[in-house]
Structure formats: C-alpha cells, structure tokens
Amino acid sequence: MEIIRFAALKAKPWRNGGGATRELLSGPAGQEGGWDWRVSIADVTKAGEFSPFDGYERVLTVVEGELLLLTVDGTERPVEKYRPFRFDGGAPTTAALPTGDIRNLNVIARNGVFKGYASVIELSKKRAQPVFGGQVAVLLQGQATVSDGAADAADLGRYDAVAGSDESTPEVTGRGFLAVVSIDPVDG
C-alpha cells in the first residue's frame, strides 16, 4: 500500500509566479521524456495564464476555495468546488480568482496514450471505498483511515493520497470527501 503524505511534498513554484504545484504521482516516461500522466495539487494565488500542455488533456477540480474562472480557448467557464472540468491542455488558458485563492487537483494525461478521470465521493464509515490498480484516492476533507487487509490501518490527513495497485486494493473509510482519480491506458 502506497501512501503519499501531502505534508512531505515539496511545492514547485510556477514560472509566472501565480502559484505552486505539488506532484502526488506521475506515470511512465513518454517517448519524448517527461511523463505520460501526472496527478498533482496546485495552489493558485494570482490570476493569469496557465502553462500549456500540448498533446495532453487536463481534468481540473477545485478542492479548496469556491470558484476558479477559467477561460479556455476564448470560452469562459466557471469551475466550482468539487466539480471536475475536462479541457485540452494545449488550449490557451487563463484563470481569474473572483472569490480568492484556490487549490485544485490536476489530472493531466497524454492524448492517445492515457485517459484521466476524477470524481469526488462522500466517504462512509460503513462502506469502504476500494482503490484499484490505476487509481489514486485523495482525502479532500474530513477524517479517513486506509487499510489493505495485510497491514495495520493508517490515518489519512487532508490531501494525503493512496495509490492502488494490481497487487493490493486499499480500502478507505471515514467521514468526508474523497477524490478518486483513475488513469486508464488507451487501447490503440
């Protein structure tokens, strides 16, 4: 069972000074180097342009703060808390912060290689949420415990993540909200 502790992640400031990103996980190196997919949490503290990710698709979910106003390829789109928004990573994108700073969960996947998904669910103490291979679960709010049946249960803090694998299917229980991210290979 792989647990990624948010408090241990180093924030990487953006070149434009508008925020910082903490990478939770990234996938195999692509043909041009780098990664084919990445799951990260970003703090947006200043309105401005987003870095382009040509050849990638993005799913952005506001997880702290109320509203991010994105303009993607000339079209304005309000992105509210816990409502994932999918868009072309290479499209010209700018952000406005009408209600103040926000934190968002980003899923970025290389077109034609992987497809990323994000959903926000309410946790239950009675029914465990499994985290399968190709998935990452991120505690957004509340209290949660994760167990894989083989090891002792571990408490999750806010924005801590747990990765599923083909060998282990951790289960999360608690009260609050959990983001479940899936990274699926595209069959070609």
C-alpha atoms as a PDB file:
ATOM      1  CA  MET A   1       0.000   0.000   0.000  1.00  0.00           C
ATOM      2  CA  GLU A   2       1.498   3.300  -1.101  1.00  0.00           C
ATOM      3  CA  ILE A   3       0.516   6.384   0.912  1.00  0.00           C
ATOM      4  CA  ILE A   4       1.683   9.805  -0.292  1.00  0.00           C
ATOM      5  CA  ARG A   5       1.795  12.306   2.557  1.00  0.00           C
ATOM      6  CA  PHE A   6       0.910  15.786   1.324  1.00  0.00           C
ATOM      7  CA  ALA A   7       2.929  17.465   4.092  1.00  0.00           C
ATOM      8  CA  ALA A   8       6.096  15.763   2.784  1.00  0.00           C
ATOM      9  CA  LEU A   9       5.712  17.027  -0.799  1.00  0.00           C
ATOM     10  CA  LYS A  10       7.829  19.938  -1.968  1.00  0.00           C
ATOM     11  CA  ALA A  11       5.976  22.798  -3.655  1.00  0.00           C
ATOM     12  CA  LYS A  12       7.413  23.799  -7.035  1.00  0.00           C
ATOM     13  CA  PRO A  13       6.682  27.480  -7.806  1.00  0.00           C
ATOM     14  CA  TRP A  14       5.312  28.291 -11.232  1.00  0.00           C
ATOM     15  CA  ARG A  15       7.471  30.276 -13.656  1.00  0.00           C
ATOM     16  CA  ASN A  16       4.820  33.019 -13.861  1.00  0.00           C
ATOM     17  CA  GLY A  17       4.650  33.421 -10.069  1.00  0.00           C
ATOM     18  CA  GLY A  18       0.917  32.656  -9.986  1.00  0.00           C
ATOM     19  CA  GLY A  19       1.089  29.552  -7.824  1.00  0.00           C
ATOM     20  CA  ALA A  20       2.876  26.330  -6.933  1.00  0.00           C
ATOM     21  CA  THR A  21       2.370  22.621  -7.668  1.00  0.00           C
ATOM     22  CA  ARG A  22       2.926  19.515  -5.548  1.00  0.00           C
ATOM     23  CA  GLU A  23       3.162  16.303  -7.578  1.00  0.00           C
ATOM     24  CA  LEU A  24       1.431  13.311  -6.000  1.00  0.00           C
ATOM     25  CA  LEU A  25       2.278  10.746  -8.691  1.00  0.00           C
ATOM     26  CA  SER A  26       3.338  10.623 -12.318  1.00  0.00           C
ATOM     27  CA  GLY A  27       3.281   7.851 -14.865  1.00  0.00           C
ATOM     28  CA  PRO A  28       5.833   6.275 -17.129  1.00  0.00           C
ATOM     29  CA  ALA A  29       8.131   8.439 -19.182  1.00  0.00           C
ATOM     30  CA  GLY A  30       6.725   9.249 -22.583  1.00  0.00           C
ATOM     31  CA  GLN A  31       8.523   8.916 -25.880  1.00  0.00           C
ATOM     32  CA  GLU A  32       9.879  12.465 -25.608  1.00  0.00           C
ATOM     33  CA  GLY A  33      10.824  12.036 -21.937  1.00  0.00           C
ATOM     34  CA  GLY A  34       8.902  13.546 -19.062  1.00  0.00           C
ATOM     35  CA  TRP A  35       5.725  11.732 -18.094  1.00  0.00           C
ATOM     36  CA  ASP A  36       2.622  10.352 -19.804  1.00  0.00           C
ATOM     37  CA  TRP A  37       0.348  11.281 -16.889  1.00  0.00           C
ATOM     38  CA  ARG A  38       0.543  13.261 -13.672  1.00  0.00           C
ATOM     39  CA  VAL A  39      -1.677  13.796 -10.623  1.00  0.00           C
ATOM     40  CA  SER A  40      -0.886  16.948  -8.658  1.00  0.00           C
ATOM     41  CA  ILE A  41      -2.301  19.559  -6.320  1.00  0.00           C
ATOM     42  CA  ALA A  42      -1.782  23.219  -7.185  1.00  0.00           C
ATOM     43  CA  ASP A  43      -2.265  26.416  -5.250  1.00  0.00           C
ATOM     44  CA  VAL A  44      -3.427  29.278  -7.480  1.00  0.00           C
ATOM     45  CA  THR A  45      -2.681  32.627  -5.820  1.00  0.00           C
ATOM     46  CA  LYS A  46      -2.665  35.031  -8.752  1.00  0.00           C
ATOM     47  CA  ALA A  47      -4.825  35.442 -11.852  1.00  0.00           C
ATOM     48  CA  GLY A  48      -3.068  34.805 -15.150  1.00  0.00           C
ATOM     49  CA  GLU A  49      -2.110  32.314 -17.837  1.00  0.00           C
ATOM     50  CA  PHE A  50      -1.850  28.573 -17.287  1.00  0.00           C
ATOM     51  CA  SER A  51       1.185  26.745 -18.678  1.00  0.00           C
ATOM     52  CA  PRO A  52       0.263  24.887 -21.864  1.00  0.00           C
ATOM     53  CA  PHE A  53       0.500  21.086 -22.006  1.00  0.00           C
ATOM     54  CA  ASP A  54       0.379  20.447 -25.751  1.00  0.00           C
ATOM     55  CA  GLY A  55      -0.691  16.893 -26.559  1.00  0.00           C
ATOM     56  CA  TYR A  56      -2.306  16.371 -23.140  1.00  0.00           C
ATOM     57  CA  GLU A  57      -5.805  16.523 -21.719  1.00  0.00           C
ATOM     58  CA  ARG A  58      -6.450  18.045 -18.293  1.00  0.00           C
ATOM     59  CA  VAL A  59      -9.080  17.415 -15.638  1.00  0.00           C
ATOM     60  CA  LEU A  60      -9.081  20.180 -13.024  1.00  0.00           C
ATOM     61  CA  THR A  61     -11.083  20.012  -9.776  1.00  0.00           C
ATOM     62  CA  VAL A  62     -11.221  22.917  -7.308  1.00  0.00           C
ATOM     63  CA  VAL A  63     -10.705  21.335  -3.861  1.00  0.00           C
ATOM     64  CA  GLU A  64     -10.281  24.442  -1.692  1.00  0.00           C
ATOM     65  CA  GLY A  65     -11.843  27.841  -2.275  1.00  0.00           C
ATOM     66  CA  GLU A  66     -15.120  28.403  -4.021  1.00  0.00           C
ATOM     67  CA  LEU A  67     -14.607  29.307  -7.657  1.00  0.00           C
ATOM     68  CA  LEU A  68     -11.992  29.392 -10.400  1.00  0.00           C
ATOM     69  CA  LEU A  69     -12.989  31.270 -13.528  1.00  0.00           C
ATOM     70  CA  LEU A  70     -11.167  29.681 -16.473  1.00  0.00           C
ATOM     71  CA  THR A  71     -11.088  30.997 -19.996  1.00  0.00           C
ATOM     72  CA  VAL A  72     -10.133  28.107 -22.274  1.00  0.00           C
ATOM     73  CA  ASP A  73      -9.581  28.856 -25.947  1.00  0.00           C
ATOM     74  CA  GLY A  74     -11.656  32.038 -25.634  1.00  0.00           C
ATOM     75  CA  THR A  75     -14.611  30.486 -23.772  1.00  0.00           C
ATOM     76  CA  GLU A  76     -15.213  31.446 -20.141  1.00  0.00           C
ATOM     77  CA  ARG A  77     -16.014  28.584 -17.774  1.00  0.00           C
ATOM     78  CA  PRO A  78     -16.741  28.863 -14.026  1.00  0.00           C
ATOM     79  CA  VAL A  79     -15.274  25.850 -12.177  1.00  0.00           C
ATOM     80  CA  GLU A  80     -16.903  25.298  -8.791  1.00  0.00           C
ATOM     81  CA  LYS A  81     -15.593  23.310  -5.840  1.00  0.00           C
ATOM     82  CA  TYR A  82     -15.673  19.510  -6.277  1.00  0.00           C
ATOM     83  CA  ARG A  83     -16.891  19.705  -9.904  1.00  0.00           C
ATOM     84  CA  PRO A  84     -14.229  18.267 -12.253  1.00  0.00           C
ATOM     85  CA  PHE A  85     -13.686  20.120 -15.527  1.00  0.00           C
ATOM     86  CA  ARG A  86     -12.004  18.480 -18.560  1.00  0.00           C
ATOM     87  CA  PHE A  87     -10.201  20.557 -21.205  1.00  0.00           C
ATOM     88  CA  ASP A  88      -7.450  20.477 -23.830  1.00  0.00           C
ATOM     89  CA  GLY A  89      -4.121  21.003 -22.080  1.00  0.00           C
ATOM     90  CA  GLY A  90      -2.682  22.790 -25.117  1.00  0.00           C
ATOM     91  CA  ALA A  91      -5.521  25.325 -25.425  1.00  0.00           C
ATOM     92  CA  PRO A  92      -4.703  28.894 -24.367  1.00  0.00           C
ATOM     93  CA  THR A  93      -5.999  29.065 -20.777  1.00  0.00           C
ATOM     94  CA  THR A  94      -6.204  31.920 -18.292  1.00  0.00           C
ATOM     95  CA  ALA A  95      -7.571  31.966 -14.770  1.00  0.00           C
ATOM     96  CA  ALA A  96      -9.348  34.577 -12.664  1.00  0.00           C
ATOM     97  CA  LEU A  97      -9.907  34.273  -8.909  1.00  0.00           C
ATOM     98  CA  PRO A  98     -13.214  36.061  -8.225  1.00  0.00           C
ATOM     99  CA  THR A  99     -13.546  34.605  -4.691  1.00  0.00           C
ATOM    100  CA  GLY A 100      -9.858  34.487  -3.718  1.00  0.00           C
ATOM    101  CA  ASP A 101      -7.062  31.920  -3.819  1.00  0.00           C
ATOM    102  CA  ILE A 102      -7.933  28.329  -4.675  1.00  0.00           C
ATOM    103  CA  ARG A 103      -6.330  24.898  -4.513  1.00  0.00           C
ATOM    104  CA  ASN A 104      -7.014  22.394  -7.265  1.00  0.00           C
ATOM    105  CA  LEU A 105      -6.444  18.761  -8.063  1.00  0.00           C
ATOM    106  CA  ASN A 106      -4.994  18.256 -11.559  1.00  0.00           C
ATOM    107  CA  VAL A 107      -5.047  15.115 -13.662  1.00  0.00           C
ATOM    108  CA  ILE A 108      -3.035  15.500 -16.858  1.00  0.00           C
ATOM    109  CA  ALA A 109      -2.777  12.636 -19.396  1.00  0.00           C
ATOM    110  CA  ARG A 110      -1.068  12.326 -22.772  1.00  0.00           C
ATOM    111  CA  ASN A 111      -3.646  12.153 -25.595  1.00  0.00           C
ATOM    112  CA  GLY A 112      -3.902   8.750 -27.255  1.00  0.00           C
ATOM    113  CA  VAL A 113      -1.853   7.035 -24.525  1.00  0.00           C
ATOM    114  CA  PHE A 114      -3.820   7.512 -21.280  1.00  0.00           C
ATOM    115  CA  LYS A 115      -7.189   8.947 -20.259  1.00  0.00           C
ATOM    116  CA  GLY A 116      -7.576  10.567 -16.855  1.00  0.00           C
ATOM    117  CA  TYR A 117     -10.754  10.766 -14.794  1.00  0.00           C
ATOM    118  CA  ALA A 118     -11.623  12.396 -11.468  1.00  0.00           C
ATOM    119  CA  SER A 119     -14.703  12.123  -9.297  1.00  0.00           C
ATOM    120  CA  VAL A 120     -15.500  13.325  -5.796  1.00  0.00           C
ATOM    121  CA  ILE A 121     -17.401  10.986  -3.490  1.00  0.00           C
ATOM    122  CA  GLU A 122     -18.690  11.183   0.051  1.00  0.00           C
ATOM    123  CA  LEU A 123     -16.976   8.711   2.375  1.00  0.00           C
ATOM    124  CA  SER A 124     -18.810   6.273   4.603  1.00  0.00           C
ATOM    125  CA  LYS A 125     -17.732   4.564   7.809  1.00  0.00           C
ATOM    126  CA  LYS A 126     -19.938   1.589   6.921  1.00  0.00           C
ATOM    127  CA  ARG A 127     -18.951   1.027   3.290  1.00  0.00           C
ATOM    128  CA  ALA A 128     -15.277   1.054   2.304  1.00  0.00           C
ATOM    129  CA  GLN A 129     -14.155   2.758  -0.913  1.00  0.00           C
ATOM    130  CA  PRO A 130     -11.706   0.467  -2.757  1.00  0.00           C
ATOM    131  CA  VAL A 131      -8.733   1.974  -4.598  1.00  0.00           C
ATOM    132  CA  PHE A 132      -7.977  -0.302  -7.547  1.00  0.00           C
ATOM    133  CA  GLY A 133      -4.863  -0.545  -9.727  1.00  0.00           C
ATOM    134  CA  GLY A 134      -4.591   2.588 -11.889  1.00  0.00           C
ATOM    135  CA  GLN A 135      -6.367   4.673  -9.250  1.00  0.00           C
ATOM    136  CA  VAL A 136      -5.300   7.258  -6.691  1.00  0.00           C
ATOM    137  CA  ALA A 137      -7.574   8.424  -3.866  1.00  0.00           C
ATOM    138  CA  VAL A 138      -7.011  11.838  -2.246  1.00  0.00           C
ATOM    139  CA  LEU A 139      -8.681  12.851   1.031  1.00  0.00           C
ATOM    140  CA  LEU A 140     -10.154  16.293   0.387  1.00  0.00           C
ATOM    141  CA  GLN A 141     -11.960  16.906   3.650  1.00  0.00           C
ATOM    142  CA  GLY A 142     -12.795  15.052   6.858  1.00  0.00           C
ATOM    143  CA  GLN A 143     -11.216  12.055   8.529  1.00  0.00           C
ATOM    144  CA  ALA A 144     -10.322   8.749   6.917  1.00  0.00           C
ATOM    145  CA  THR A 145      -8.480   5.521   7.501  1.00  0.00           C
ATOM    146  CA  VAL A 146      -6.941   3.290   4.836  1.00  0.00           C
ATOM    147  CA  SER A 147      -6.224  -0.430   5.083  1.00  0.00           C
ATOM    148  CA  ASP A 148      -5.165  -3.087   2.612  1.00  0.00           C
ATOM    149  CA  GLY A 149      -6.010  -6.051   4.830  1.00  0.00           C
ATOM    150  CA  ALA A 150      -2.356  -7.098   5.177  1.00  0.00           C
ATOM    151  CA  ALA A 151      -1.057  -4.160   7.202  1.00  0.00           C
ATOM    152  CA  ASP A 152      -2.315  -2.060  10.059  1.00  0.00           C
ATOM    153  CA  ALA A 153      -4.722   0.695   9.136  1.00  0.00           C
ATOM    154  CA  ALA A 154      -3.265   4.173   8.647  1.00  0.00           C
ATOM    155  CA  ASP A 155      -4.943   7.520   9.164  1.00  0.00           C
ATOM    156  CA  LEU A 156      -5.028   9.912   6.232  1.00  0.00           C
ATOM    157  CA  GLY A 157      -4.571  13.661   6.656  1.00  0.00           C
ATOM    158  CA  ARG A 158      -6.080  16.282   4.398  1.00  0.00           C
ATOM    159  CA  TYR A 159      -4.723  15.902   0.835  1.00  0.00           C
ATOM    160  CA  ASP A 160      -2.892  12.662   1.644  1.00  0.00           C
ATOM    161  CA  ALA A 161      -3.221  10.155  -1.188  1.00  0.00           C
ATOM    162  CA  VAL A 162      -3.225   6.398  -1.500  1.00  0.00           C
ATOM    163  CA  ALA A 163      -2.405   4.527  -4.715  1.00  0.00           C
ATOM    164  CA  GLY A 164      -3.983   1.242  -5.668  1.00  0.00           C
ATOM    165  CA  SER A 165      -2.028  -1.452  -7.478  1.00  0.00           C
ATOM    166  CA  ASP A 166      -2.563  -4.788  -9.155  1.00  0.00           C
ATOM    167  CA  GLU A 167      -1.133  -6.470  -6.031  1.00  0.00           C
ATOM    168  CA  SER A 168      -3.108  -4.527  -3.429  1.00  0.00           C
ATOM    169  CA  THR A 169      -6.530  -2.900  -3.249  1.00  0.00           C
ATOM    170  CA  PRO A 170      -6.508  -0.489  -0.301  1.00  0.00           C
ATOM    171  CA  GLU A 171      -9.868   0.487   1.167  1.00  0.00           C
ATOM    172  CA  VAL A 172     -10.718   3.916   2.584  1.00  0.00           C
ATOM    173  CA  THR A 173     -13.375   4.507   5.223  1.00  0.00           C
ATOM    174  CA  GLY A 174     -14.327   7.588   7.204  1.00  0.00           C
ATOM    175  CA  ARG A 175     -16.380  10.745   7.012  1.00  0.00           C
ATOM    176  CA  GLY A 176     -15.749  13.488   4.499  1.00  0.00           C
ATOM    177  CA  PHE A 177     -14.961  13.761   0.808  1.00  0.00           C
ATOM    178  CA  LEU A 178     -12.530  11.753  -1.287  1.00  0.00           C
ATOM    179  CA  ALA A 179     -11.320  12.373  -4.834  1.00  0.00           C
ATOM    180  CA  VAL A 180     -10.930   9.166  -6.817  1.00  0.00           C
ATOM    181  CA  VAL A 181      -8.624   9.560  -9.813  1.00  0.00           C
ATOM    182  CA  SER A 182      -8.384   6.875 -12.485  1.00  0.00           C
ATOM    183  CA  ILE A 183      -5.660   6.701 -15.121  1.00  0.00           C
ATOM    184  CA  ASP A 184      -6.655   4.298 -17.881  1.00  0.00           C
ATOM    185  CA  PRO A 185      -4.465   3.239 -20.810  1.00  0.00           C
ATOM    186  CA  VAL A 186      -5.983   3.966 -24.199  1.00  0.00           C
ATOM    187  CA  ASP A 187      -6.237   0.802 -26.254  1.00  0.00           C
ATOM    188  CA  GLY A 188      -4.877   1.502 -29.660  1.00  0.00           C
END
